[in-house]
Amino acid sequence: MSSLDRQLQHSDHNAAPSSGTRLSLLLHDIESPSNVGALFRCADALGCEHIYLSGSTPAPPNRKLRKASRSAERYVGYSVHRHFEDLLDSFHENKVLALALELSENSIPLEDFVLERRFESICLIPGSENHGLSEELLNACEQAVYIPMQGNNSSMNIATACAIAAYRLQQA
């Protein structure tokens, strides 16, 4: 094995420059602090600009959230909101596409998504672990995408789904 073939340490890591589509997350009524923490970790790794926490979603400080995030909540900007309606109004005013990550009657496959020029960024809104997005929140989004499944299940863990979608959307 050559000296080029070694696993890098954290101190060897250089953050990649920000590129692609600006992205944020809206986490509404996510039940598990561990899932919220995993989403903070994904957001940090993928360069998401902000996480909006609303409804009953756990917020920092939270021991389980911090453990799953590996302290990423210290690096990713976030804000806590009681309701999502005001956020969606501000998204519209600021040319942010409210994009649901949900399998629905009108959602399109993630790989078919193209960001319209009238939008300057995307706020990805995944459904909660057990109930998905409420009909009210789903209908308030401008568009919805889903990740086509090849197995028997029609869904995957929220953090896994968000990581896949966020990575793909940054290429949009």
N, C-alpha and C. Protein backbone atom coordinates (compact mmCIF):
# COMPACT_ATOMS: atom_id res chain seq x y z
N MET A 1 0.85 -1.18 0.00
CA MET A 1 0.00 0.00 0.00
C MET A 1 0.89 1.24 0.00
N SER A 2 0.62 2.14 -0.90
CA SER A 2 1.44 3.35 -0.99
C SER A 2 1.02 4.35 0.08
N SER A 3 1.87 5.35 0.31
CA SER A 3 1.56 6.37 1.31
C SER A 3 0.36 7.22 0.90
N LEU A 4 -0.05 7.16 -0.37
CA LEU A 4 -1.24 7.90 -0.82
C LEU A 4 -2.53 7.18 -0.44
N ASP A 5 -2.39 5.94 -0.03
CA ASP A 5 -3.55 5.11 0.28
C ASP A 5 -3.82 5.04 1.77
N ARG A 6 -4.05 6.14 2.41
CA ARG A 6 -4.36 6.11 3.83
C ARG A 6 -5.65 6.88 4.08
N GLN A 7 -6.34 6.46 5.11
CA GLN A 7 -7.56 7.17 5.49
C GLN A 7 -7.17 8.52 6.08
N LEU A 8 -7.85 9.57 5.66
CA LEU A 8 -7.55 10.89 6.18
C LEU A 8 -8.14 11.08 7.57
N GLN A 9 -7.51 11.91 8.35
CA GLN A 9 -8.00 12.27 9.67
C GLN A 9 -8.83 13.55 9.56
N HIS A 10 -9.60 13.86 10.59
CA HIS A 10 -10.41 15.08 10.57
C HIS A 10 -9.55 16.31 10.29
N SER A 11 -8.35 16.35 10.84
CA SER A 11 -7.48 17.50 10.65
C SER A 11 -6.99 17.62 9.21
N ASP A 12 -7.09 16.54 8.41
CA ASP A 12 -6.68 16.56 7.01
C ASP A 12 -7.75 17.10 6.09
N HIS A 13 -8.96 17.21 6.60
CA HIS A 13 -10.11 17.59 5.78
C HIS A 13 -10.13 19.08 5.49
N ASN A 14 -10.28 19.42 4.23
CA ASN A 14 -10.47 20.81 3.81
C ASN A 14 -11.88 20.92 3.25
N ALA A 15 -12.68 21.83 3.79
CA ALA A 15 -14.05 21.99 3.32
C ALA A 15 -14.06 22.38 1.84
N ALA A 16 -14.92 21.74 1.09
CA ALA A 16 -15.07 22.06 -0.33
C ALA A 16 -15.74 23.41 -0.47
N PRO A 17 -15.38 24.16 -1.48
CA PRO A 17 -16.05 25.44 -1.68
C PRO A 17 -17.53 25.22 -1.98
N SER A 18 -18.35 26.15 -1.54
CA SER A 18 -19.78 26.08 -1.77
C SER A 18 -20.04 26.19 -3.27
N SER A 19 -20.91 25.32 -3.76
CA SER A 19 -21.23 25.39 -5.18
C SER A 19 -22.65 24.91 -5.41
N GLY A 20 -23.17 25.22 -6.56
CA GLY A 20 -24.48 24.73 -6.93
C GLY A 20 -25.60 25.54 -6.32
N THR A 21 -26.75 24.92 -6.25
CA THR A 21 -27.98 25.56 -5.79
C THR A 21 -27.95 25.78 -4.29
N ARG A 22 -28.34 26.97 -3.86
CA ARG A 22 -28.46 27.26 -2.42
C ARG A 22 -29.63 26.46 -1.88
N LEU A 23 -29.42 25.88 -0.69
CA LEU A 23 -30.39 24.94 -0.14
C LEU A 23 -30.56 25.15 1.35
N SER A 24 -31.81 25.04 1.82
CA SER A 24 -32.12 25.03 3.25
C SER A 24 -33.12 23.90 3.49
N LEU A 25 -33.39 23.61 4.76
CA LEU A 25 -34.36 22.57 5.14
C LEU A 25 -35.41 23.16 6.06
N LEU A 26 -36.64 22.72 5.89
CA LEU A 26 -37.72 23.01 6.83
C LEU A 26 -38.15 21.68 7.42
N LEU A 27 -37.95 21.52 8.72
CA LEU A 27 -38.30 20.28 9.42
C LEU A 27 -39.52 20.56 10.28
N HIS A 28 -40.66 20.06 9.86
CA HIS A 28 -41.91 20.31 10.56
C HIS A 28 -42.44 19.02 11.17
N ASP A 29 -42.68 19.05 12.46
CA ASP A 29 -43.24 17.90 13.21
C ASP A 29 -42.42 16.62 13.05
N ILE A 30 -41.10 16.76 12.99
CA ILE A 30 -40.22 15.59 13.00
C ILE A 30 -40.15 15.12 14.45
N GLU A 31 -40.37 13.85 14.68
CA GLU A 31 -40.55 13.36 16.04
C GLU A 31 -39.26 12.99 16.76
N SER A 32 -38.30 12.45 16.06
CA SER A 32 -37.12 11.89 16.70
C SER A 32 -35.97 12.89 16.78
N PRO A 33 -35.48 13.17 18.00
CA PRO A 33 -34.30 14.03 18.13
C PRO A 33 -33.10 13.46 17.38
N SER A 34 -32.98 12.15 17.32
CA SER A 34 -31.87 11.53 16.59
C SER A 34 -31.96 11.82 15.09
N ASN A 35 -33.16 11.78 14.55
CA ASN A 35 -33.33 12.12 13.13
C ASN A 35 -33.01 13.59 12.88
N VAL A 36 -33.44 14.46 13.78
CA VAL A 36 -33.14 15.89 13.62
C VAL A 36 -31.62 16.09 13.68
N GLY A 37 -30.96 15.41 14.61
CA GLY A 37 -29.50 15.50 14.69
C GLY A 37 -28.84 15.00 13.43
N ALA A 38 -29.32 13.89 12.89
CA ALA A 38 -28.75 13.36 11.64
C ALA A 38 -28.96 14.34 10.50
N LEU A 39 -30.08 15.05 10.51
CA LEU A 39 -30.35 16.05 9.48
C LEU A 39 -29.42 17.26 9.62
N PHE A 40 -29.10 17.65 10.85
CA PHE A 40 -28.11 18.71 11.05
C PHE A 40 -26.75 18.27 10.49
N ARG A 41 -26.40 17.02 10.72
CA ARG A 41 -25.12 16.51 10.23
C ARG A 41 -25.09 16.50 8.70
N CYS A 42 -26.18 16.06 8.08
CA CYS A 42 -26.29 16.10 6.62
C CYS A 42 -26.21 17.53 6.10
N ALA A 43 -26.93 18.43 6.76
CA ALA A 43 -26.94 19.84 6.33
C ALA A 43 -25.54 20.42 6.38
N ASP A 44 -24.80 20.10 7.42
CA ASP A 44 -23.42 20.58 7.53
C ASP A 44 -22.56 20.00 6.42
N ALA A 45 -22.66 18.70 6.21
CA ALA A 45 -21.83 18.03 5.21
C ALA A 45 -22.12 18.54 3.80
N LEU A 46 -23.38 18.88 3.53
CA LEU A 46 -23.76 19.26 2.18
C LEU A 46 -23.87 20.77 1.98
N GLY A 47 -23.51 21.54 3.00
CA GLY A 47 -23.48 22.99 2.84
C GLY A 47 -24.83 23.67 2.82
N CYS A 48 -25.82 23.08 3.46
CA CYS A 48 -27.13 23.74 3.55
C CYS A 48 -26.98 25.04 4.34
N GLU A 49 -27.68 26.06 3.91
CA GLU A 49 -27.54 27.38 4.52
C GLU A 49 -28.24 27.51 5.86
N HIS A 50 -29.38 26.83 6.04
CA HIS A 50 -30.18 27.06 7.24
C HIS A 50 -31.13 25.89 7.44
N ILE A 51 -31.48 25.63 8.69
CA ILE A 51 -32.53 24.68 9.02
C ILE A 51 -33.61 25.43 9.79
N TYR A 52 -34.84 25.32 9.31
CA TYR A 52 -36.00 25.90 9.98
C TYR A 52 -36.69 24.75 10.72
N LEU A 53 -36.85 24.90 12.02
CA LEU A 53 -37.51 23.90 12.85
C LEU A 53 -38.88 24.44 13.21
N SER A 54 -39.93 23.66 12.92
CA SER A 54 -41.27 24.16 13.25
C SER A 54 -42.14 23.05 13.80
N GLY A 55 -43.27 23.49 14.36
CA GLY A 55 -44.19 22.53 14.96
C GLY A 55 -43.57 21.88 16.17
N SER A 56 -43.67 20.56 16.24
CA SER A 56 -43.18 19.82 17.41
C SER A 56 -41.75 19.29 17.22
N THR A 57 -41.06 19.73 16.20
CA THR A 57 -39.69 19.26 15.95
C THR A 57 -38.77 19.65 17.11
N PRO A 58 -38.03 18.70 17.68
CA PRO A 58 -37.09 19.03 18.75
C PRO A 58 -36.00 19.98 18.27
N ALA A 59 -35.59 20.87 19.14
CA ALA A 59 -34.56 21.86 18.82
C ALA A 59 -33.42 21.76 19.83
N PRO A 60 -32.24 22.23 19.45
CA PRO A 60 -31.15 22.32 20.42
C PRO A 60 -31.52 23.27 21.56
N PRO A 61 -31.02 23.10 22.73
CA PRO A 61 -30.15 22.00 23.15
C PRO A 61 -30.97 20.73 23.44
N ASN A 62 -30.46 19.61 22.98
CA ASN A 62 -31.10 18.32 23.18
C ASN A 62 -29.98 17.28 23.09
N ARG A 63 -29.84 16.48 24.11
CA ARG A 63 -28.74 15.52 24.21
C ARG A 63 -28.73 14.53 23.04
N LYS A 64 -29.88 13.94 22.70
CA LYS A 64 -29.94 12.97 21.61
C LYS A 64 -29.66 13.63 20.26
N LEU A 65 -30.18 14.82 20.08
CA LEU A 65 -29.94 15.57 18.85
C LEU A 65 -28.45 15.85 18.70
N ARG A 66 -27.81 16.34 19.76
CA ARG A 66 -26.39 16.68 19.72
C ARG A 66 -25.54 15.44 19.41
N LYS A 67 -25.89 14.32 20.03
CA LYS A 67 -25.12 13.10 19.81
C LYS A 67 -25.20 12.66 18.34
N ALA A 68 -26.40 12.68 17.75
CA ALA A 68 -26.56 12.27 16.36
C ALA A 68 -25.95 13.27 15.39
N SER A 69 -25.95 14.54 15.76
CA SER A 69 -25.44 15.58 14.86
C SER A 69 -23.92 15.67 14.90
N ARG A 70 -23.31 15.06 15.92
CA ARG A 70 -21.87 15.19 16.15
C ARG A 70 -21.50 16.66 16.24
N SER A 71 -22.36 17.41 16.94
CA SER A 71 -22.20 18.85 17.20
C SER A 71 -22.39 19.73 15.98
N ALA A 72 -22.97 19.22 14.89
CA ALA A 72 -23.19 20.03 13.68
C ALA A 72 -24.16 21.17 13.93
N GLU A 73 -24.98 21.08 14.96
CA GLU A 73 -25.92 22.18 15.26
C GLU A 73 -25.16 23.45 15.64
N ARG A 74 -23.88 23.31 15.95
CA ARG A 74 -23.05 24.48 16.25
C ARG A 74 -22.56 25.18 14.98
N TYR A 75 -22.66 24.51 13.84
CA TYR A 75 -22.12 25.04 12.59
C TYR A 75 -23.20 25.40 11.56
N VAL A 76 -24.37 24.84 11.70
CA VAL A 76 -25.46 25.10 10.76
C VAL A 76 -26.44 26.07 11.42
N GLY A 77 -26.71 27.17 10.74
CA GLY A 77 -27.68 28.12 11.28
C GLY A 77 -29.06 27.50 11.33
N TYR A 78 -29.78 27.79 12.39
CA TYR A 78 -31.15 27.27 12.50
C TYR A 78 -32.01 28.29 13.23
N SER A 79 -33.30 28.15 13.06
CA SER A 79 -34.26 28.99 13.78
C SER A 79 -35.48 28.15 14.10
N VAL A 80 -36.16 28.51 15.16
CA VAL A 80 -37.32 27.77 15.64
C VAL A 80 -38.57 28.61 15.40
N HIS A 81 -39.58 27.96 14.83
CA HIS A 81 -40.83 28.64 14.48
C HIS A 81 -42.00 27.78 14.94
N ARG A 82 -42.98 28.43 15.50
CA ARG A 82 -44.14 27.69 15.98
C ARG A 82 -44.96 27.14 14.80
N HIS A 83 -45.14 27.99 13.78
CA HIS A 83 -45.95 27.61 12.62
C HIS A 83 -45.12 27.75 11.35
N PHE A 84 -45.49 26.99 10.33
CA PHE A 84 -44.75 27.05 9.07
C PHE A 84 -45.32 28.07 8.10
N GLU A 85 -46.54 28.54 8.29
CA GLU A 85 -47.20 29.41 7.32
C GLU A 85 -46.42 30.70 7.05
N ASP A 86 -45.95 31.35 8.11
CA ASP A 86 -45.19 32.59 7.93
C ASP A 86 -43.88 32.33 7.18
N LEU A 87 -43.28 31.19 7.43
CA LEU A 87 -42.04 30.85 6.72
C LEU A 87 -42.30 30.73 5.22
N LEU A 88 -43.37 30.04 4.86
CA LEU A 88 -43.65 29.85 3.45
C LEU A 88 -43.96 31.18 2.76
N ASP A 89 -44.61 32.09 3.47
CA ASP A 89 -44.84 33.44 2.92
C ASP A 89 -43.50 34.13 2.65
N SER A 90 -42.57 34.04 3.59
CA SER A 90 -41.27 34.69 3.40
C SER A 90 -40.47 34.01 2.30
N PHE A 91 -40.60 32.68 2.15
CA PHE A 91 -39.93 31.98 1.06
C PHE A 91 -40.41 32.55 -0.28
N HIS A 92 -41.71 32.67 -0.42
CA HIS A 92 -42.28 33.17 -1.67
C HIS A 92 -41.76 34.57 -1.99
N GLU A 93 -41.74 35.42 -0.98
CA GLU A 93 -41.26 36.80 -1.16
C GLU A 93 -39.78 36.86 -1.53
N ASN A 94 -39.00 35.87 -1.08
CA ASN A 94 -37.55 35.87 -1.30
C ASN A 94 -37.10 34.91 -2.41
N LYS A 95 -38.04 34.48 -3.23
CA LYS A 95 -37.74 33.61 -4.37
C LYS A 95 -37.12 32.29 -3.97
N VAL A 96 -37.63 31.74 -2.87
CA VAL A 96 -37.19 30.43 -2.40
C VAL A 96 -38.28 29.42 -2.75
N LEU A 97 -37.93 28.38 -3.46
CA LEU A 97 -38.88 27.33 -3.80
C LEU A 97 -39.13 26.44 -2.59
N ALA A 98 -40.38 26.33 -2.16
CA ALA A 98 -40.76 25.39 -1.11
C ALA A 98 -41.00 24.04 -1.79
N LEU A 99 -40.06 23.11 -1.61
CA LEU A 99 -40.06 21.84 -2.32
C LEU A 99 -40.30 20.69 -1.35
N ALA A 100 -41.45 20.06 -1.47
CA ALA A 100 -41.78 18.92 -0.62
C ALA A 100 -41.00 17.69 -1.09
N LEU A 101 -40.51 16.92 -0.14
CA LEU A 101 -39.92 15.62 -0.42
C LEU A 101 -40.93 14.60 0.08
N GLU A 102 -41.81 14.19 -0.82
CA GLU A 102 -42.97 13.39 -0.42
C GLU A 102 -43.52 12.67 -1.64
N LEU A 103 -43.90 11.43 -1.45
CA LEU A 103 -44.59 10.69 -2.50
C LEU A 103 -46.05 11.10 -2.46
N SER A 104 -46.52 11.74 -3.53
CA SER A 104 -47.90 12.23 -3.57
C SER A 104 -48.44 12.10 -4.99
N GLU A 105 -49.71 12.41 -5.17
CA GLU A 105 -50.32 12.31 -6.49
C GLU A 105 -49.61 13.15 -7.54
N ASN A 106 -49.10 14.32 -7.15
CA ASN A 106 -48.51 15.24 -8.11
C ASN A 106 -47.00 15.38 -8.00
N SER A 107 -46.35 14.56 -7.16
CA SER A 107 -44.90 14.67 -7.06
C SER A 107 -44.24 14.03 -8.27
N ILE A 108 -43.04 14.52 -8.57
CA ILE A 108 -42.29 14.01 -9.72
C ILE A 108 -41.03 13.32 -9.21
N PRO A 109 -40.48 12.41 -10.00
CA PRO A 109 -39.23 11.78 -9.58
C PRO A 109 -38.13 12.83 -9.40
N LEU A 110 -37.32 12.66 -8.38
CA LEU A 110 -36.26 13.61 -8.06
C LEU A 110 -35.37 13.89 -9.27
N GLU A 111 -35.04 12.86 -10.04
CA GLU A 111 -34.13 13.06 -11.17
C GLU A 111 -34.76 13.89 -12.29
N ASP A 112 -36.08 14.09 -12.28
CA ASP A 112 -36.74 14.91 -13.31
C ASP A 112 -36.88 16.37 -12.88
N PHE A 113 -36.49 16.69 -11.66
CA PHE A 113 -36.67 18.06 -11.15
C PHE A 113 -35.69 19.01 -11.83
N VAL A 114 -36.23 20.17 -12.24
CA VAL A 114 -35.42 21.26 -12.79
C VAL A 114 -35.86 22.54 -12.08
N LEU A 115 -34.91 23.25 -11.52
CA LEU A 115 -35.22 24.49 -10.80
C LEU A 115 -35.54 25.59 -11.81
N GLU A 116 -36.73 26.16 -11.65
CA GLU A 116 -37.13 27.27 -12.53
C GLU A 116 -36.29 28.50 -12.21
N ARG A 117 -36.00 29.28 -13.22
CA ARG A 117 -35.14 30.46 -13.07
C ARG A 117 -35.71 31.50 -12.12
N ARG A 118 -37.02 31.51 -11.92
CA ARG A 118 -37.61 32.53 -11.04
C ARG A 118 -37.27 32.31 -9.58
N PHE A 119 -36.73 31.15 -9.25
CA PHE A 119 -36.33 30.85 -7.88
C PHE A 119 -34.82 30.98 -7.73
N GLU A 120 -34.39 31.53 -6.58
CA GLU A 120 -32.97 31.70 -6.31
C GLU A 120 -32.39 30.62 -5.41
N SER A 121 -33.26 29.91 -4.70
CA SER A 121 -32.81 28.83 -3.82
C SER A 121 -33.97 27.88 -3.55
N ILE A 122 -33.66 26.80 -2.84
CA ILE A 122 -34.65 25.76 -2.53
C ILE A 122 -34.69 25.55 -1.03
N CYS A 123 -35.90 25.41 -0.49
CA CYS A 123 -36.07 24.91 0.87
C CYS A 123 -36.72 23.54 0.75
N LEU A 124 -35.97 22.51 1.07
CA LEU A 124 -36.44 21.13 1.00
C LEU A 124 -37.24 20.82 2.26
N ILE A 125 -38.43 20.25 2.08
CA ILE A 125 -39.33 19.99 3.21
C ILE A 125 -39.71 18.52 3.21
N PRO A 126 -39.03 17.70 4.02
CA PRO A 126 -39.35 16.27 4.07
C PRO A 126 -40.55 16.00 4.96
N GLY A 127 -41.23 14.90 4.68
CA GLY A 127 -42.34 14.49 5.54
C GLY A 127 -41.84 13.89 6.83
N SER A 128 -42.68 13.95 7.85
CA SER A 128 -42.30 13.37 9.14
C SER A 128 -42.23 11.85 9.04
N GLU A 129 -41.57 11.24 10.02
CA GLU A 129 -41.26 9.82 9.97
C GLU A 129 -42.50 8.95 9.81
N ASN A 130 -43.56 9.21 10.55
CA ASN A 130 -44.71 8.31 10.57
C ASN A 130 -45.89 8.78 9.74
N HIS A 131 -46.01 10.09 9.53
CA HIS A 131 -47.22 10.60 8.89
C HIS A 131 -46.96 11.36 7.61
N GLY A 132 -45.70 11.53 7.22
CA GLY A 132 -45.40 12.31 6.04
C GLY A 132 -45.74 13.77 6.26
N LEU A 133 -45.94 14.50 5.19
CA LEU A 133 -46.33 15.91 5.30
C LEU A 133 -47.84 16.00 5.45
N SER A 134 -48.27 16.94 6.26
CA SER A 134 -49.71 17.17 6.37
C SER A 134 -50.21 17.66 5.01
N GLU A 135 -51.47 17.44 4.74
CA GLU A 135 -52.06 17.89 3.49
C GLU A 135 -51.92 19.41 3.36
N GLU A 136 -52.07 20.11 4.46
CA GLU A 136 -51.95 21.56 4.46
C GLU A 136 -50.54 22.01 4.04
N LEU A 137 -49.52 21.41 4.61
CA LEU A 137 -48.15 21.77 4.27
C LEU A 137 -47.80 21.32 2.85
N LEU A 138 -48.22 20.14 2.47
CA LEU A 138 -47.96 19.64 1.13
C LEU A 138 -48.58 20.58 0.09
N ASN A 139 -49.79 21.01 0.31
CA ASN A 139 -50.47 21.91 -0.63
C ASN A 139 -49.88 23.32 -0.64
N ALA A 140 -49.19 23.69 0.43
CA ALA A 140 -48.56 25.01 0.49
C ALA A 140 -47.23 25.05 -0.27
N CYS A 141 -46.69 23.90 -0.60
CA CYS A 141 -45.43 23.83 -1.35
C CYS A 141 -45.70 24.07 -2.84
N GLU A 142 -44.74 24.69 -3.51
CA GLU A 142 -44.88 24.93 -4.94
C GLU A 142 -44.75 23.66 -5.77
N GLN A 143 -43.95 22.72 -5.26
CA GLN A 143 -43.69 21.51 -6.02
C GLN A 143 -43.32 20.39 -5.05
N ALA A 144 -43.44 19.15 -5.52
CA ALA A 144 -43.06 17.99 -4.71
C ALA A 144 -42.26 17.01 -5.55
N VAL A 145 -41.25 16.41 -4.92
CA VAL A 145 -40.44 15.39 -5.56
C VAL A 145 -40.43 14.14 -4.69
N TYR A 146 -40.11 13.02 -5.31
CA TYR A 146 -39.94 11.78 -4.55
C TYR A 146 -38.73 11.03 -5.10
N ILE A 147 -38.20 10.15 -4.28
CA ILE A 147 -37.08 9.30 -4.68
C ILE A 147 -37.67 7.95 -5.10
N PRO A 148 -37.55 7.59 -6.37
CA PRO A 148 -38.09 6.30 -6.80
C PRO A 148 -37.42 5.14 -6.05
N MET A 149 -38.22 4.22 -5.57
CA MET A 149 -37.72 3.07 -4.80
C MET A 149 -37.67 1.85 -5.71
N GLN A 150 -36.64 1.05 -5.53
CA GLN A 150 -36.50 -0.16 -6.33
C GLN A 150 -36.87 -1.42 -5.55
N GLY A 151 -37.02 -1.28 -4.23
CA GLY A 151 -37.37 -2.43 -3.41
C GLY A 151 -38.86 -2.47 -3.10
N ASN A 152 -39.22 -3.12 -2.02
CA ASN A 152 -40.62 -3.26 -1.64
C ASN A 152 -41.16 -2.09 -0.84
N ASN A 153 -40.28 -1.38 -0.13
CA ASN A 153 -40.74 -0.25 0.68
C ASN A 153 -40.97 0.97 -0.20
N SER A 154 -41.88 1.84 0.26
CA SER A 154 -42.16 3.07 -0.49
C SER A 154 -41.50 4.29 0.15
N SER A 155 -40.70 4.05 1.20
CA SER A 155 -40.03 5.17 1.85
C SER A 155 -38.72 4.69 2.48
N MET A 156 -37.93 5.68 2.93
CA MET A 156 -36.68 5.37 3.64
C MET A 156 -36.54 6.33 4.81
N ASN A 157 -35.55 6.13 5.63
CA ASN A 157 -35.30 7.01 6.77
C ASN A 157 -35.19 8.45 6.29
N ILE A 158 -35.75 9.37 7.07
CA ILE A 158 -35.81 10.78 6.68
C ILE A 158 -34.43 11.38 6.44
N ALA A 159 -33.46 11.05 7.26
CA ALA A 159 -32.12 11.61 7.07
C ALA A 159 -31.47 11.07 5.80
N THR A 160 -31.67 9.81 5.51
CA THR A 160 -31.14 9.21 4.29
C THR A 160 -31.79 9.85 3.07
N ALA A 161 -33.11 9.98 3.10
CA ALA A 161 -33.83 10.58 1.98
C ALA A 161 -33.39 12.03 1.76
N CYS A 162 -33.25 12.78 2.84
CA CYS A 162 -32.82 14.18 2.72
C CYS A 162 -31.40 14.28 2.17
N ALA A 163 -30.53 13.40 2.59
CA ALA A 163 -29.15 13.43 2.09
C ALA A 163 -29.13 13.17 0.58
N ILE A 164 -29.87 12.19 0.13
CA ILE A 164 -29.93 11.89 -1.30
C ILE A 164 -30.50 13.08 -2.07
N ALA A 165 -31.64 13.60 -1.58
CA ALA A 165 -32.30 14.71 -2.27
C ALA A 165 -31.44 15.97 -2.25
N ALA A 166 -30.86 16.30 -1.12
CA ALA A 166 -30.04 17.52 -1.02
C ALA A 166 -28.84 17.44 -1.96
N TYR A 167 -28.19 16.30 -2.01
CA TYR A 167 -27.05 16.15 -2.90
C TYR A 167 -27.47 16.35 -4.35
N ARG A 168 -28.57 15.73 -4.73
CA ARG A 168 -29.08 15.85 -6.11
C ARG A 168 -29.52 17.28 -6.41
N LEU A 169 -30.20 17.91 -5.48
CA LEU A 169 -30.74 19.26 -5.70
C LEU A 169 -29.64 20.31 -5.85
N GLN A 170 -28.52 20.09 -5.22
CA GLN A 170 -27.42 21.02 -5.37
C GLN A 170 -26.86 20.99 -6.79
N GLN A 171 -27.18 19.97 -7.52
CA GLN A 171 -26.74 19.87 -8.92
C GLN A 171 -27.79 20.48 -9.86
N ALA A 172 -28.96 20.85 -9.33
CA ALA A 172 -30.08 21.34 -10.16
C ALA A 172 -29.78 22.69 -10.77
